Amino acid sequence: MQASETEWTDIEKKIARTAFEQAYKREIDALLKQVQKEASTLVDLNDIWRLHDFLSAKRHEIEGKYDYQYSVLLFIFAELIKEGWLSLNELKGLDQDKLSKVAVLSRM
C-alpha cells in the first residue's frame, strides 16, 4: 500500500468522520421514514413478519456497511456515493489521491 492509503491527517480524519456520520444519518432517516410508512399498512401477522425480515436484513446491511476503519474507508465512501448517501463534494479536503480513488471506485 502507498502511504496515502494508510495515512490520514487530523484534518482528513475530521472531514472523513463528518462525511461518514452525515451519510449514516441520511440512510437511517430514510429507513425510519420507510418503516413508519410500512408499519402504517400492517393488517395481519404476515405483514409483521415481512417487516421483521426486512428490518433484520437492513440491520445486517447497515452494520456491515458503516464500519469506520481507515483501511477500508475509501471503499465505504465509494459505495455510499454509489448508493446516493454521500457526494464526492462532501469529501473535499481529503488528499487528491484519496479523492481520485473514491471517484474511480464509485463509478465501478
N, C-alpha and C. Protein backbone atom coordinates (compact mmCIF):
# COMPACT_ATOMS: atom_id res chain seq x y z
N MET A 1 0.83 -1.19 0.00
CA MET A 1 0.00 0.00 0.00
C MET A 1 0.86 1.24 0.00
N GLN A 2 0.35 2.27 -0.64
CA GLN A 2 1.04 3.54 -0.63
C GLN A 2 0.71 4.28 0.66
N ALA A 3 1.58 5.21 1.01
CA ALA A 3 1.38 5.95 2.25
C ALA A 3 0.04 6.67 2.28
N SER A 4 -0.40 7.22 1.13
CA SER A 4 -1.65 7.96 1.10
C SER A 4 -2.86 7.08 1.41
N GLU A 5 -2.70 5.77 1.23
CA GLU A 5 -3.80 4.86 1.52
C GLU A 5 -3.89 4.53 3.01
N THR A 6 -2.80 4.71 3.71
CA THR A 6 -2.80 4.31 5.11
C THR A 6 -2.69 5.48 6.07
N GLU A 7 -2.22 6.61 5.60
CA GLU A 7 -2.03 7.75 6.49
C GLU A 7 -3.14 8.78 6.29
N TRP A 8 -3.70 9.20 7.38
CA TRP A 8 -4.75 10.21 7.36
C TRP A 8 -4.32 11.34 8.28
N THR A 9 -4.36 12.57 7.78
CA THR A 9 -4.05 13.72 8.63
C THR A 9 -5.22 13.96 9.58
N ASP A 10 -4.99 14.77 10.58
CA ASP A 10 -6.07 15.09 11.52
C ASP A 10 -7.22 15.79 10.81
N ILE A 11 -6.90 16.67 9.87
CA ILE A 11 -7.95 17.36 9.11
C ILE A 11 -8.73 16.36 8.28
N GLU A 12 -8.03 15.43 7.63
CA GLU A 12 -8.72 14.41 6.82
C GLU A 12 -9.59 13.52 7.71
N LYS A 13 -9.12 13.20 8.87
CA LYS A 13 -9.92 12.38 9.79
C LYS A 13 -11.21 13.10 10.16
N LYS A 14 -11.13 14.39 10.39
CA LYS A 14 -12.32 15.17 10.75
C LYS A 14 -13.30 15.22 9.57
N ILE A 15 -12.78 15.47 8.36
CA ILE A 15 -13.62 15.50 7.15
C ILE A 15 -14.28 14.13 6.93
N ALA A 16 -13.48 13.09 7.07
CA ALA A 16 -13.99 11.73 6.85
C ALA A 16 -15.07 11.38 7.88
N ARG A 17 -14.84 11.71 9.14
CA ARG A 17 -15.82 11.40 10.19
C ARG A 17 -17.12 12.14 9.94
N THR A 18 -17.03 13.42 9.58
CA THR A 18 -18.24 14.21 9.32
C THR A 18 -19.02 13.63 8.14
N ALA A 19 -18.33 13.32 7.06
CA ALA A 19 -18.99 12.75 5.88
C ALA A 19 -19.63 11.41 6.21
N PHE A 20 -18.90 10.59 6.93
CA PHE A 20 -19.39 9.26 7.33
C PHE A 20 -20.67 9.39 8.15
N GLU A 21 -20.64 10.28 9.14
CA GLU A 21 -21.80 10.46 10.02
C GLU A 21 -22.99 11.05 9.26
N GLN A 22 -22.73 11.95 8.31
CA GLN A 22 -23.83 12.52 7.52
C GLN A 22 -24.50 11.45 6.67
N ALA A 23 -23.69 10.62 6.03
CA ALA A 23 -24.25 9.53 5.20
C ALA A 23 -25.07 8.58 6.07
N TYR A 24 -24.54 8.22 7.22
CA TYR A 24 -25.24 7.32 8.13
C TYR A 24 -26.58 7.91 8.54
N LYS A 25 -26.57 9.19 8.91
CA LYS A 25 -27.81 9.85 9.34
C LYS A 25 -28.83 9.87 8.20
N ARG A 26 -28.38 10.16 6.99
CA ARG A 26 -29.30 10.18 5.84
C ARG A 26 -29.93 8.81 5.63
N GLU A 27 -29.10 7.77 5.69
CA GLU A 27 -29.64 6.43 5.45
C GLU A 27 -30.59 6.01 6.56
N ILE A 28 -30.25 6.31 7.80
CA ILE A 28 -31.11 5.95 8.92
C ILE A 28 -32.42 6.73 8.87
N ASP A 29 -32.35 8.01 8.54
CA ASP A 29 -33.58 8.81 8.41
C ASP A 29 -34.49 8.26 7.33
N ALA A 30 -33.91 7.87 6.19
CA ALA A 30 -34.70 7.29 5.10
C ALA A 30 -35.32 5.96 5.54
N LEU A 31 -34.55 5.16 6.26
CA LEU A 31 -35.07 3.88 6.75
C LEU A 31 -36.21 4.10 7.73
N LEU A 32 -36.05 5.06 8.61
CA LEU A 32 -37.10 5.35 9.59
C LEU A 32 -38.40 5.75 8.89
N LYS A 33 -38.29 6.60 7.88
CA LYS A 33 -39.49 7.01 7.13
C LYS A 33 -40.13 5.81 6.44
N GLN A 34 -39.30 4.96 5.86
CA GLN A 34 -39.81 3.78 5.16
C GLN A 34 -40.51 2.85 6.14
N VAL A 35 -39.93 2.63 7.31
CA VAL A 35 -40.52 1.74 8.30
C VAL A 35 -41.83 2.32 8.84
N GLN A 36 -41.86 3.61 9.07
CA GLN A 36 -43.10 4.24 9.53
C GLN A 36 -44.21 4.06 8.49
N LYS A 37 -43.87 4.22 7.24
CA LYS A 37 -44.85 4.04 6.17
C LYS A 37 -45.33 2.59 6.12
N GLU A 38 -44.37 1.65 6.15
CA GLU A 38 -44.71 0.23 6.12
C GLU A 38 -45.56 -0.17 7.34
N ALA A 39 -45.18 0.33 8.51
CA ALA A 39 -45.90 -0.04 9.73
C ALA A 39 -47.34 0.44 9.70
N SER A 40 -47.58 1.54 9.01
CA SER A 40 -48.94 2.08 8.96
C SER A 40 -49.86 1.23 8.08
N THR A 41 -49.28 0.30 7.32
CA THR A 41 -50.09 -0.53 6.42
C THR A 41 -50.23 -1.97 6.90
N LEU A 42 -49.71 -2.27 8.08
CA LEU A 42 -49.80 -3.64 8.59
C LEU A 42 -51.25 -4.02 8.84
N VAL A 43 -51.62 -5.20 8.33
CA VAL A 43 -53.00 -5.64 8.55
C VAL A 43 -53.08 -7.05 9.14
N ASP A 44 -52.01 -7.84 8.98
CA ASP A 44 -52.06 -9.18 9.55
C ASP A 44 -50.66 -9.62 9.98
N LEU A 45 -50.60 -10.80 10.55
CA LEU A 45 -49.35 -11.33 11.08
C LEU A 45 -48.28 -11.47 10.01
N ASN A 46 -48.67 -11.87 8.82
CA ASN A 46 -47.69 -12.00 7.73
C ASN A 46 -47.01 -10.67 7.41
N ASP A 47 -47.76 -9.58 7.50
CA ASP A 47 -47.18 -8.26 7.28
C ASP A 47 -46.13 -7.94 8.36
N ILE A 48 -46.43 -8.34 9.58
CA ILE A 48 -45.48 -8.11 10.68
C ILE A 48 -44.20 -8.89 10.44
N TRP A 49 -44.31 -10.15 10.06
CA TRP A 49 -43.12 -10.98 9.82
C TRP A 49 -42.33 -10.46 8.63
N ARG A 50 -43.04 -9.99 7.62
CA ARG A 50 -42.36 -9.42 6.45
C ARG A 50 -41.55 -8.19 6.85
N LEU A 51 -42.15 -7.34 7.67
CA LEU A 51 -41.43 -6.15 8.15
C LEU A 51 -40.25 -6.55 9.02
N HIS A 52 -40.45 -7.55 9.86
CA HIS A 52 -39.36 -8.05 10.71
C HIS A 52 -38.20 -8.56 9.85
N ASP A 53 -38.51 -9.34 8.84
CA ASP A 53 -37.46 -9.87 7.96
C ASP A 53 -36.72 -8.74 7.23
N PHE A 54 -37.48 -7.77 6.76
CA PHE A 54 -36.89 -6.61 6.10
C PHE A 54 -35.92 -5.89 7.05
N LEU A 55 -36.38 -5.65 8.27
CA LEU A 55 -35.54 -4.94 9.25
C LEU A 55 -34.31 -5.74 9.64
N SER A 56 -34.45 -7.03 9.76
CA SER A 56 -33.29 -7.88 10.07
C SER A 56 -32.23 -7.79 8.97
N ALA A 57 -32.68 -7.84 7.74
CA ALA A 57 -31.76 -7.73 6.61
C ALA A 57 -31.11 -6.35 6.56
N LYS A 58 -31.90 -5.31 6.78
CA LYS A 58 -31.38 -3.94 6.77
C LYS A 58 -30.36 -3.74 7.89
N ARG A 59 -30.64 -4.29 9.05
CA ARG A 59 -29.70 -4.15 10.18
C ARG A 59 -28.36 -4.77 9.82
N HIS A 60 -28.40 -5.95 9.25
CA HIS A 60 -27.17 -6.64 8.84
C HIS A 60 -26.42 -5.80 7.80
N GLU A 61 -27.15 -5.30 6.82
CA GLU A 61 -26.55 -4.49 5.75
C GLU A 61 -25.91 -3.21 6.31
N ILE A 62 -26.64 -2.49 7.13
CA ILE A 62 -26.15 -1.21 7.65
C ILE A 62 -24.99 -1.41 8.62
N GLU A 63 -25.08 -2.39 9.50
CA GLU A 63 -23.99 -2.63 10.43
C GLU A 63 -22.72 -3.06 9.70
N GLY A 64 -22.88 -3.80 8.61
CA GLY A 64 -21.72 -4.21 7.82
C GLY A 64 -21.12 -3.07 7.02
N LYS A 65 -21.97 -2.19 6.54
CA LYS A 65 -21.53 -1.10 5.68
C LYS A 65 -20.82 0.01 6.47
N TYR A 66 -21.37 0.38 7.59
CA TYR A 66 -20.83 1.51 8.34
C TYR A 66 -19.79 1.04 9.36
N ASP A 67 -18.66 0.63 8.81
CA ASP A 67 -17.54 0.13 9.59
C ASP A 67 -16.41 1.15 9.45
N TYR A 68 -16.24 1.99 10.46
CA TYR A 68 -15.30 3.11 10.35
C TYR A 68 -13.88 2.64 10.66
N GLN A 69 -13.24 2.09 9.63
CA GLN A 69 -11.84 1.71 9.72
C GLN A 69 -11.13 2.38 8.55
N TYR A 70 -10.06 3.06 8.83
CA TYR A 70 -9.37 3.81 7.79
C TYR A 70 -8.89 2.92 6.65
N SER A 71 -8.60 1.68 6.93
CA SER A 71 -8.10 0.77 5.89
C SER A 71 -9.14 0.49 4.80
N VAL A 72 -10.42 0.66 5.12
CA VAL A 72 -11.48 0.38 4.13
C VAL A 72 -12.35 1.60 3.85
N LEU A 73 -12.02 2.71 4.44
CA LEU A 73 -12.89 3.89 4.36
C LEU A 73 -13.09 4.39 2.94
N LEU A 74 -12.08 4.34 2.10
CA LEU A 74 -12.24 4.81 0.72
C LEU A 74 -13.26 3.94 -0.02
N PHE A 75 -13.26 2.65 0.24
CA PHE A 75 -14.23 1.74 -0.38
C PHE A 75 -15.63 2.04 0.14
N ILE A 76 -15.74 2.30 1.42
CA ILE A 76 -17.04 2.63 2.02
C ILE A 76 -17.58 3.92 1.42
N PHE A 77 -16.71 4.94 1.32
CA PHE A 77 -17.15 6.20 0.72
C PHE A 77 -17.61 6.00 -0.72
N ALA A 78 -16.89 5.21 -1.48
CA ALA A 78 -17.28 4.94 -2.87
C ALA A 78 -18.66 4.29 -2.92
N GLU A 79 -18.90 3.33 -2.05
CA GLU A 79 -20.20 2.64 -2.01
C GLU A 79 -21.31 3.61 -1.60
N LEU A 80 -21.03 4.45 -0.61
CA LEU A 80 -22.04 5.42 -0.17
C LEU A 80 -22.38 6.42 -1.27
N ILE A 81 -21.40 6.79 -2.07
CA ILE A 81 -21.65 7.68 -3.20
C ILE A 81 -22.50 6.96 -4.24
N LYS A 82 -22.16 5.71 -4.54
CA LYS A 82 -22.96 4.93 -5.50
C LYS A 82 -24.41 4.83 -5.06
N GLU A 83 -24.61 4.65 -3.77
CA GLU A 83 -25.97 4.47 -3.24
C GLU A 83 -26.70 5.80 -3.03
N GLY A 84 -26.00 6.91 -3.17
CA GLY A 84 -26.64 8.22 -3.04
C GLY A 84 -26.69 8.79 -1.64
N TRP A 85 -25.99 8.20 -0.71
CA TRP A 85 -26.00 8.69 0.67
C TRP A 85 -24.92 9.75 0.92
N LEU A 86 -24.01 9.88 -0.03
CA LEU A 86 -22.88 10.79 0.13
C LEU A 86 -22.53 11.33 -1.25
N SER A 87 -21.95 12.53 -1.28
CA SER A 87 -21.45 13.07 -2.54
C SER A 87 -19.95 13.27 -2.43
N LEU A 88 -19.28 13.23 -3.54
CA LEU A 88 -17.83 13.42 -3.57
C LEU A 88 -17.46 14.79 -3.02
N ASN A 89 -18.31 15.78 -3.23
CA ASN A 89 -18.05 17.13 -2.72
C ASN A 89 -17.92 17.16 -1.20
N GLU A 90 -18.61 16.26 -0.52
CA GLU A 90 -18.54 16.23 0.94
C GLU A 90 -17.19 15.72 1.45
N LEU A 91 -16.39 15.20 0.54
CA LEU A 91 -15.06 14.70 0.92
C LEU A 91 -13.96 15.68 0.55
N LYS A 92 -14.33 16.85 0.05
CA LYS A 92 -13.32 17.86 -0.31
C LYS A 92 -12.48 18.19 0.92
N GLY A 93 -11.18 18.25 0.68
CA GLY A 93 -10.24 18.48 1.76
C GLY A 93 -9.39 17.25 2.01
N LEU A 94 -9.86 16.11 1.50
CA LEU A 94 -9.03 14.90 1.56
C LEU A 94 -7.92 15.03 0.52
N ASP A 95 -6.86 14.31 0.73
CA ASP A 95 -5.76 14.23 -0.22
C ASP A 95 -6.31 13.92 -1.61
N GLN A 96 -5.75 14.55 -2.64
CA GLN A 96 -6.24 14.38 -4.01
C GLN A 96 -6.20 12.91 -4.44
N ASP A 97 -5.20 12.17 -4.00
CA ASP A 97 -5.10 10.75 -4.34
C ASP A 97 -6.29 9.97 -3.76
N LYS A 98 -6.66 10.29 -2.54
CA LYS A 98 -7.82 9.63 -1.92
C LYS A 98 -9.10 9.96 -2.68
N LEU A 99 -9.26 11.25 -3.00
CA LEU A 99 -10.45 11.67 -3.73
C LEU A 99 -10.55 10.99 -5.09
N SER A 100 -9.42 10.89 -5.77
CA SER A 100 -9.40 10.23 -7.07
C SER A 100 -9.79 8.76 -6.96
N LYS A 101 -9.28 8.10 -5.95
CA LYS A 101 -9.60 6.67 -5.75
C LYS A 101 -11.09 6.50 -5.46
N VAL A 102 -11.63 7.34 -4.61
CA VAL A 102 -13.06 7.25 -4.30
C VAL A 102 -13.88 7.50 -5.56
N ALA A 103 -13.49 8.50 -6.34
CA ALA A 103 -14.22 8.82 -7.56
C ALA A 103 -14.21 7.63 -8.53
N VAL A 104 -13.06 7.03 -8.71
CA VAL A 104 -12.95 5.88 -9.63
C VAL A 104 -13.75 4.70 -9.10
N LEU A 105 -13.60 4.40 -7.83
CA LEU A 105 -14.31 3.26 -7.23
C LEU A 105 -15.84 3.46 -7.28
N SER A 106 -16.27 4.70 -7.13
CA SER A 106 -17.72 4.95 -7.11
C SER A 106 -18.35 4.78 -8.49
N ARG A 107 -17.52 4.76 -9.53
CA ARG A 107 -18.04 4.56 -10.89
C ARG A 107 -17.98 3.11 -11.33
N MET A 108 -17.44 2.25 -10.50
CA MET A 108 -17.31 0.83 -10.85
C MET A 108 -18.59 0.10 -10.56
